[in-house]
Amino acid sequence: MRKRLILFLVCCLVILLLTGCSSDRKETDNYIIEYDSWNGLYLEQGELYAQRLEDFGLFGEHPLERFKVTENNFIGKVKGGFFLVSGSINGEIHSSDFLKFAWHSNPQDIIISSLALEDIVITIDETKKIPTVQFKFTIYKKISDQTFVIAKGNPNIFIDSKYICYARVRINSNDLQNEIYLPLNYQEME
């Protein structure tokens, strides 16, 4: 009797773990939602977040006003903890190049943003008269209501590698030569 009870409990635990560990993703042109029950993000909630991002005017192609590459920007983070007189600090800092750009989320607003070049995909499109940018967002965890309140005034809070898979810049080849100066060292390549 005891063995049957243990076997029954083990079977229930296995079934519970298999159903509770399910994770999945939904992908569109504008976003990827990665949802599962362990991190607390459900598909319906992810779709609600995506709808809010769309309401801020962040989906689709946006015309670029100006852009330039800024070189050797230092970025980093530090974490640590102390208790009484002992503790530890861990950190990292590195240099990265950024693309700083001005874009329209709607006809009235011009937003100044920057992303690391590693987050940018450049597509040559000879049909483009003016360069455009399109963001691909990733939604993988809960986003606080406070973050959305801040984004009403400044949607740049979502133009960050925390929320963006990549940004695709579409530009014709003539503008690429005239406008974007990618930081390449041609002397090293020869």
Protein backbone atom coordinates (compact mmCIF):
# COMPACT_ATOMS: atom_id res chain seq x y z
CA MET A 1 0.00 0.00 0.00
CA ARG A 2 2.81 2.35 0.88
CA LYS A 3 4.64 1.65 -2.42
CA ARG A 4 1.47 2.45 -4.39
CA LEU A 5 1.06 5.73 -2.55
CA ILE A 6 4.68 6.70 -3.27
CA LEU A 7 4.32 5.65 -6.92
CA PHE A 8 1.11 7.67 -7.20
CA LEU A 9 2.77 10.76 -5.68
CA VAL A 10 5.79 10.43 -7.98
CA CYS A 11 3.51 10.14 -11.03
CA CYS A 12 1.53 13.21 -9.92
CA LEU A 13 4.76 15.15 -9.38
CA VAL A 14 6.08 14.21 -12.84
CA ILE A 15 2.78 15.24 -14.49
CA LEU A 16 2.75 18.50 -12.53
CA LEU A 17 6.34 19.29 -13.53
CA LEU A 18 5.74 18.48 -17.20
CA THR A 19 2.65 20.68 -17.43
CA GLY A 20 4.13 23.44 -15.27
CA CYS A 21 7.41 23.67 -17.20
CA SER A 22 5.84 24.30 -20.56
CA SER A 23 7.27 27.29 -22.34
CA ASP A 24 6.52 28.62 -25.76
CA ARG A 25 6.96 31.65 -27.94
CA LYS A 26 4.93 33.74 -30.32
CA GLU A 27 6.68 35.77 -32.99
CA THR A 28 5.45 38.53 -35.31
CA ASP A 29 7.25 41.18 -37.38
CA ASN A 30 7.28 43.51 -34.37
CA TYR A 31 7.82 41.32 -31.33
CA ILE A 32 8.68 37.96 -29.80
CA ILE A 33 6.80 36.85 -26.69
CA GLU A 34 8.53 34.13 -24.69
CA TYR A 35 6.13 32.91 -22.07
CA ASP A 36 5.98 30.16 -19.48
CA SER A 37 4.42 29.60 -16.10
CA TRP A 38 7.72 29.67 -14.20
CA ASN A 39 8.59 33.30 -14.84
CA GLY A 40 4.96 34.34 -14.53
CA LEU A 41 4.46 35.70 -18.04
CA TYR A 42 1.47 34.23 -19.81
CA LEU A 43 0.66 34.68 -23.50
CA GLU A 44 -2.35 36.91 -22.83
CA GLN A 45 -0.25 39.20 -20.64
CA GLY A 46 2.53 39.32 -23.26
CA GLU A 47 -0.02 40.25 -25.94
CA LEU A 48 -1.36 43.02 -23.68
CA TYR A 49 2.20 44.39 -23.31
CA ALA A 50 2.65 44.22 -27.10
CA GLN A 51 -0.60 46.15 -27.57
CA ARG A 52 0.63 48.84 -25.18
CA LEU A 53 3.92 49.11 -27.11
CA GLU A 54 1.92 49.50 -30.31
CA ASP A 55 -0.20 52.23 -28.68
CA PHE A 56 3.02 54.16 -27.98
CA GLY A 57 3.75 54.10 -31.74
CA LEU A 58 6.77 51.79 -31.46
CA PHE A 59 5.74 49.22 -34.09
CA GLY A 60 6.30 49.52 -37.82
CA GLU A 61 8.82 51.49 -39.84
CA HIS A 62 9.76 54.96 -38.61
CA PRO A 63 11.47 57.62 -40.74
CA LEU A 64 14.92 58.63 -39.54
CA GLU A 65 15.79 62.31 -39.34
CA ARG A 66 19.47 62.13 -38.45
CA PHE A 67 21.88 59.47 -37.28
CA LYS A 68 25.55 59.06 -36.55
CA VAL A 69 27.88 56.53 -35.02
CA THR A 70 29.44 57.52 -31.71
CA GLU A 71 32.62 55.61 -30.92
CA ASN A 72 34.20 54.36 -27.71
CA ASN A 73 31.32 54.83 -25.32
CA PHE A 74 31.88 53.11 -22.00
CA ILE A 75 29.05 51.09 -20.55
CA GLY A 76 29.04 48.89 -17.50
CA LYS A 77 27.30 47.69 -14.40
CA VAL A 78 28.23 47.06 -10.80
CA LYS A 79 26.51 44.78 -8.31
CA GLY A 80 27.37 44.13 -4.73
CA GLY A 81 26.23 43.61 -1.21
CA PHE A 82 27.48 44.32 2.27
CA PHE A 83 26.60 43.05 5.69
CA LEU A 84 28.08 44.91 8.64
CA VAL A 85 31.77 45.25 7.72
CA SER A 86 32.18 42.66 4.97
CA GLY A 87 30.87 42.33 1.48
CA SER A 88 31.67 42.08 -2.18
CA ILE A 89 31.34 44.06 -5.35
CA ASN A 90 31.30 42.64 -8.87
CA GLY A 91 31.35 44.75 -11.98
CA GLU A 92 32.25 45.04 -15.60
CA ILE A 93 32.91 47.89 -17.98
CA HIS A 94 33.55 47.80 -21.70
CA SER A 95 33.73 50.07 -24.70
CA SER A 96 31.04 49.94 -27.36
CA ASP A 97 30.08 51.91 -30.44
CA PHE A 98 26.55 53.28 -30.67
CA LEU A 99 24.25 54.51 -33.40
CA LYS A 100 22.55 57.69 -32.23
CA PHE A 101 19.45 58.49 -34.26
CA ALA A 102 16.38 60.74 -34.37
CA TRP A 103 13.11 59.11 -35.42
CA HIS A 104 9.36 59.72 -35.44
CA SER A 105 6.97 57.65 -33.33
CA ASN A 106 4.18 59.85 -34.74
CA PRO A 107 4.13 62.92 -37.03
CA GLN A 108 4.42 65.37 -34.10
CA ASP A 109 7.21 63.81 -32.04
CA ILE A 110 10.88 63.36 -32.80
CA ILE A 111 12.63 60.98 -30.42
CA ILE A 112 16.41 60.84 -29.96
CA SER A 113 17.64 57.31 -29.22
CA SER A 114 20.82 55.28 -29.29
CA LEU A 115 21.54 51.58 -29.57
CA ALA A 116 24.76 49.60 -29.59
CA LEU A 117 25.87 48.69 -33.11
CA GLU A 118 25.55 45.04 -32.09
CA ASP A 119 21.77 45.59 -31.87
CA ILE A 120 21.47 47.13 -35.36
CA VAL A 121 20.82 45.31 -38.64
CA ILE A 122 21.36 47.42 -41.77
CA THR A 123 19.35 46.41 -44.85
CA ILE A 124 20.19 47.93 -48.23
CA ASP A 125 16.90 48.83 -49.91
CA GLU A 126 17.23 50.82 -53.13
CA THR A 127 13.51 51.75 -53.00
CA LYS A 128 14.00 53.82 -49.81
CA LYS A 129 14.06 57.55 -50.44
CA ILE A 130 14.64 58.23 -46.75
CA PRO A 131 16.16 55.83 -44.20
CA THR A 132 13.80 54.09 -41.77
CA VAL A 133 14.13 52.10 -38.56
CA GLN A 134 11.94 49.22 -37.36
CA PHE A 135 12.30 47.70 -33.90
CA LYS A 136 11.81 44.02 -33.00
CA PHE A 137 10.91 43.77 -29.32
CA THR A 138 11.30 40.82 -27.01
CA ILE A 139 8.81 40.34 -24.20
CA TYR A 140 9.97 37.68 -21.78
CA LYS A 141 9.05 38.94 -18.32
CA LYS A 142 6.49 41.09 -16.59
CA ILE A 143 6.72 44.83 -17.23
CA SER A 144 5.60 47.07 -14.40
CA ASP A 145 2.78 49.58 -14.79
CA GLN A 146 5.23 52.27 -13.67
CA THR A 147 7.43 51.53 -16.69
CA PHE A 148 4.45 52.05 -19.01
CA VAL A 149 3.56 55.32 -17.22
CA ILE A 150 7.12 56.58 -17.79
CA ALA A 151 6.97 55.48 -21.44
CA LYS A 152 3.94 57.69 -22.10
CA GLY A 153 6.23 60.70 -21.74
CA ASN A 154 9.35 59.10 -23.18
CA PRO A 155 9.15 55.80 -25.07
CA ASN A 156 12.97 55.60 -25.04
CA ILE A 157 12.65 53.44 -21.94
CA PHE A 158 11.82 50.59 -24.35
CA ILE A 159 14.59 51.46 -26.85
CA ASP A 160 17.08 49.42 -24.89
CA SER A 161 18.77 46.06 -25.34
CA LYS A 162 16.66 44.82 -22.43
CA TYR A 163 13.52 45.05 -24.60
CA ILE A 164 14.84 44.99 -28.19
CA CYS A 165 16.08 41.96 -30.14
CA TYR A 166 17.36 44.24 -32.88
CA ALA A 167 16.58 47.40 -34.82
CA ARG A 168 16.53 47.15 -38.62
CA VAL A 169 17.68 50.26 -40.48
CA ARG A 170 16.59 50.27 -44.13
CA ILE A 171 18.61 52.60 -46.30
CA ASN A 172 19.57 52.91 -49.96
CA SER A 173 23.21 52.40 -50.89
CA ASN A 174 23.80 56.08 -51.78
CA ASP A 175 22.67 57.25 -48.33
CA LEU A 176 24.67 54.52 -46.65
CA GLN A 177 27.88 55.90 -48.13
CA ASN A 178 26.92 59.50 -47.30
CA GLU A 179 25.37 59.08 -43.87
CA ILE A 180 26.58 56.10 -41.87
CA TYR A 181 30.28 55.96 -41.17
CA LEU A 182 30.81 52.58 -39.62
CA PRO A 183 33.89 52.44 -37.39
CA LEU A 184 36.20 50.32 -39.52
CA ASN A 185 39.96 50.53 -39.46
CA TYR A 186 40.93 50.04 -43.09
CA GLN A 187 44.65 50.04 -42.31
CA GLU A 188 44.30 46.83 -40.31
CA MET A 189 42.36 45.19 -43.15
CA GLU A 190 45.11 45.77 -45.75
